[in-house]
Amino acid sequence: MSKIKSRTSSIVDAMDDKALLHEVREIRRQLPRVGVRKLKVMLYQRGHDAGRDRMFGMLKDAGMLISRKRLGKM
């Protein structure tokens, strides 16, 4: 098994990333503050299987990560 990804593999990954981002946008229209871990579960139920780290990286690159709400003292 080669450690170097083939060109076709990276093209398929890029197409899969576009499909995942499209699904994330669809989910976030209804649930705008849902995070990566819950998104991963929802995407798995829709037939997409991406790892947590891949999801974090993909959403970070797309500028779609949700910042955590800070709970301060009242």
N, C-alpha and C. Protein backbone atom coordinates (compact mmCIF):
# COMPACT_ATOMS: atom_id res chain seq x y z
N MET A 1 0.85 -1.18 0.00
CA MET A 1 0.00 0.00 0.00
C MET A 1 0.89 1.24 0.00
N SER A 2 0.61 2.14 -0.85
CA SER A 2 1.41 3.34 -0.98
C SER A 2 0.91 4.43 -0.04
N LYS A 3 1.86 5.18 0.51
CA LYS A 3 1.49 6.28 1.40
C LYS A 3 1.14 7.54 0.63
N ILE A 4 1.40 7.54 -0.68
CA ILE A 4 1.12 8.70 -1.51
C ILE A 4 -0.27 8.55 -2.12
N LYS A 5 -1.10 9.56 -1.95
CA LYS A 5 -2.45 9.53 -2.52
C LYS A 5 -2.37 9.69 -4.03
N SER A 6 -3.23 8.99 -4.71
CA SER A 6 -3.27 9.15 -6.16
C SER A 6 -4.04 10.41 -6.52
N ARG A 7 -3.85 10.87 -7.72
CA ARG A 7 -4.53 12.09 -8.17
C ARG A 7 -6.03 11.89 -8.20
N THR A 8 -6.50 10.73 -8.66
CA THR A 8 -7.94 10.49 -8.72
C THR A 8 -8.53 10.45 -7.32
N SER A 9 -7.79 9.96 -6.36
CA SER A 9 -8.28 9.92 -4.99
C SER A 9 -8.51 11.32 -4.45
N SER A 10 -7.59 12.25 -4.74
CA SER A 10 -7.75 13.62 -4.25
C SER A 10 -8.90 14.32 -4.96
N ILE A 11 -9.15 13.99 -6.23
CA ILE A 11 -10.27 14.58 -6.96
C ILE A 11 -11.59 14.09 -6.36
N VAL A 12 -11.66 12.80 -6.05
CA VAL A 12 -12.87 12.24 -5.43
C VAL A 12 -13.08 12.87 -4.07
N ASP A 13 -12.00 13.05 -3.28
CA ASP A 13 -12.12 13.69 -1.97
C ASP A 13 -12.64 15.11 -2.10
N ALA A 14 -12.18 15.85 -3.10
CA ALA A 14 -12.63 17.23 -3.30
C ALA A 14 -14.11 17.26 -3.64
N MET A 15 -14.56 16.32 -4.47
CA MET A 15 -15.99 16.27 -4.82
C MET A 15 -16.80 15.90 -3.59
N ASP A 16 -16.28 14.98 -2.78
CA ASP A 16 -16.97 14.57 -1.56
C ASP A 16 -17.03 15.73 -0.57
N ASP A 17 -15.95 16.53 -0.49
CA ASP A 17 -15.95 17.70 0.37
C ASP A 17 -17.03 18.70 -0.04
N LYS A 18 -17.20 18.91 -1.33
CA LYS A 18 -18.25 19.82 -1.80
C LYS A 18 -19.62 19.30 -1.41
N ALA A 19 -19.84 18.00 -1.54
CA ALA A 19 -21.12 17.41 -1.16
C ALA A 19 -21.35 17.56 0.34
N LEU A 20 -20.30 17.33 1.13
CA LEU A 20 -20.43 17.47 2.58
C LEU A 20 -20.75 18.92 2.97
N LEU A 21 -20.05 19.87 2.37
CA LEU A 21 -20.31 21.28 2.68
C LEU A 21 -21.72 21.68 2.29
N HIS A 22 -22.21 21.15 1.19
CA HIS A 22 -23.58 21.43 0.77
C HIS A 22 -24.56 20.90 1.82
N GLU A 23 -24.33 19.69 2.29
CA GLU A 23 -25.20 19.11 3.31
C GLU A 23 -25.13 19.91 4.61
N VAL A 24 -23.93 20.37 4.98
CA VAL A 24 -23.76 21.17 6.20
C VAL A 24 -24.57 22.45 6.08
N ARG A 25 -24.51 23.09 4.92
CA ARG A 25 -25.29 24.33 4.72
C ARG A 25 -26.79 24.06 4.85
N GLU A 26 -27.25 22.93 4.32
CA GLU A 26 -28.66 22.57 4.42
C GLU A 26 -29.06 22.37 5.89
N ILE A 27 -28.23 21.67 6.65
CA ILE A 27 -28.53 21.43 8.06
C ILE A 27 -28.51 22.73 8.84
N ARG A 28 -27.53 23.57 8.55
CA ARG A 28 -27.38 24.82 9.32
C ARG A 28 -28.44 25.85 8.97
N ARG A 29 -29.16 25.68 7.89
CA ARG A 29 -30.31 26.57 7.64
C ARG A 29 -31.36 26.37 8.72
N GLN A 30 -31.52 25.13 9.16
CA GLN A 30 -32.51 24.83 10.19
C GLN A 30 -31.93 24.95 11.60
N LEU A 31 -30.65 24.57 11.74
CA LEU A 31 -29.99 24.57 13.05
C LEU A 31 -28.67 25.33 12.94
N PRO A 32 -28.71 26.66 12.99
CA PRO A 32 -27.52 27.45 12.69
C PRO A 32 -26.35 27.29 13.66
N ARG A 33 -26.58 26.88 14.90
CA ARG A 33 -25.49 26.80 15.87
C ARG A 33 -25.05 25.36 16.16
N VAL A 34 -25.42 24.42 15.32
CA VAL A 34 -25.03 23.02 15.57
C VAL A 34 -23.53 22.87 15.29
N GLY A 35 -22.86 22.14 16.17
CA GLY A 35 -21.41 21.99 16.08
C GLY A 35 -20.98 20.80 15.25
N VAL A 36 -19.68 20.63 15.15
CA VAL A 36 -19.10 19.62 14.28
C VAL A 36 -19.47 18.21 14.72
N ARG A 37 -19.43 17.95 16.01
CA ARG A 37 -19.70 16.59 16.47
C ARG A 37 -21.14 16.17 16.18
N LYS A 38 -22.08 17.07 16.38
CA LYS A 38 -23.47 16.74 16.06
C LYS A 38 -23.68 16.70 14.55
N LEU A 39 -23.00 17.59 13.82
CA LEU A 39 -23.08 17.56 12.36
C LEU A 39 -22.60 16.22 11.83
N LYS A 40 -21.54 15.70 12.41
CA LYS A 40 -20.98 14.42 11.97
C LYS A 40 -22.03 13.31 12.08
N VAL A 41 -22.77 13.30 13.19
CA VAL A 41 -23.81 12.29 13.39
C VAL A 41 -24.93 12.48 12.36
N MET A 42 -25.35 13.72 12.15
CA MET A 42 -26.42 14.00 11.19
C MET A 42 -26.01 13.62 9.76
N LEU A 43 -24.77 13.91 9.42
CA LEU A 43 -24.28 13.57 8.08
C LEU A 43 -24.17 12.06 7.91
N TYR A 44 -23.80 11.35 8.96
CA TYR A 44 -23.72 9.90 8.90
C TYR A 44 -25.12 9.31 8.63
N GLN A 45 -26.13 9.91 9.25
CA GLN A 45 -27.51 9.44 9.03
C GLN A 45 -27.97 9.71 7.60
N ARG A 46 -27.34 10.70 6.95
CA ARG A 46 -27.68 11.02 5.56
C ARG A 46 -26.78 10.28 4.57
N GLY A 47 -25.92 9.41 5.07
CA GLY A 47 -25.11 8.59 4.18
C GLY A 47 -23.69 9.08 3.94
N HIS A 48 -23.25 10.11 4.65
CA HIS A 48 -21.88 10.61 4.52
C HIS A 48 -21.08 10.15 5.73
N ASP A 49 -19.90 9.63 5.48
CA ASP A 49 -19.08 9.16 6.58
C ASP A 49 -17.73 9.86 6.53
N ALA A 50 -17.58 10.91 7.30
CA ALA A 50 -16.32 11.66 7.37
C ALA A 50 -15.86 11.68 8.82
N GLY A 51 -14.57 11.64 9.02
CA GLY A 51 -14.02 11.66 10.37
C GLY A 51 -14.15 13.03 11.01
N ARG A 52 -14.07 13.04 12.32
CA ARG A 52 -14.21 14.28 13.08
C ARG A 52 -13.13 15.29 12.72
N ASP A 53 -11.89 14.83 12.65
CA ASP A 53 -10.79 15.75 12.33
C ASP A 53 -10.93 16.30 10.92
N ARG A 54 -11.36 15.47 10.00
CA ARG A 54 -11.57 15.93 8.62
C ARG A 54 -12.67 16.99 8.58
N MET A 55 -13.74 16.75 9.35
CA MET A 55 -14.84 17.72 9.40
C MET A 55 -14.36 19.06 9.97
N PHE A 56 -13.60 19.01 11.06
CA PHE A 56 -13.08 20.25 11.65
C PHE A 56 -12.23 21.01 10.64
N GLY A 57 -11.33 20.31 9.97
CA GLY A 57 -10.45 20.95 8.99
C GLY A 57 -11.22 21.53 7.82
N MET A 58 -12.18 20.77 7.31
CA MET A 58 -12.97 21.21 6.16
C MET A 58 -13.79 22.46 6.51
N LEU A 59 -14.44 22.45 7.66
CA LEU A 59 -15.26 23.59 8.06
C LEU A 59 -14.39 24.80 8.41
N LYS A 60 -13.21 24.56 8.96
CA LYS A 60 -12.30 25.67 9.24
C LYS A 60 -11.85 26.32 7.94
N ASP A 61 -11.48 25.51 6.95
CA ASP A 61 -11.05 26.04 5.65
C ASP A 61 -12.17 26.82 4.97
N ALA A 62 -13.42 26.39 5.19
CA ALA A 62 -14.57 27.05 4.57
C ALA A 62 -15.07 28.22 5.41
N GLY A 63 -14.47 28.45 6.59
CA GLY A 63 -14.91 29.54 7.46
C GLY A 63 -16.26 29.29 8.09
N MET A 64 -16.58 28.03 8.33
CA MET A 64 -17.91 27.67 8.83
C MET A 64 -17.90 27.11 10.25
N LEU A 65 -16.78 27.24 10.96
CA LEU A 65 -16.77 26.78 12.35
C LEU A 65 -17.57 27.75 13.21
N ILE A 66 -18.25 27.24 14.18
CA ILE A 66 -19.05 28.04 15.10
C ILE A 66 -18.22 28.26 16.35
N SER A 67 -18.05 29.51 16.75
CA SER A 67 -17.30 29.77 17.98
C SER A 67 -18.17 29.45 19.18
N ARG A 68 -17.53 29.01 20.22
CA ARG A 68 -18.26 28.63 21.43
C ARG A 68 -18.77 29.87 22.14
N LYS A 69 -19.95 29.76 22.71
CA LYS A 69 -20.47 30.84 23.53
C LYS A 69 -19.77 30.81 24.86
N ARG A 70 -19.36 31.96 25.32
CA ARG A 70 -18.68 32.03 26.61
C ARG A 70 -19.71 32.33 27.69
N LEU A 71 -19.67 31.53 28.70
CA LEU A 71 -20.56 31.75 29.84
C LEU A 71 -19.80 32.55 30.88
N GLY A 72 -20.22 33.77 31.08
CA GLY A 72 -19.53 34.64 32.03
C GLY A 72 -20.29 34.74 33.34
N LYS A 73 -19.68 35.42 34.26
CA LYS A 73 -20.34 35.65 35.55
C LYS A 73 -21.41 36.71 35.37
N MET A 74 -22.48 36.54 36.08
CA MET A 74 -23.58 37.50 35.97
C MET A 74 -23.61 38.40 37.16
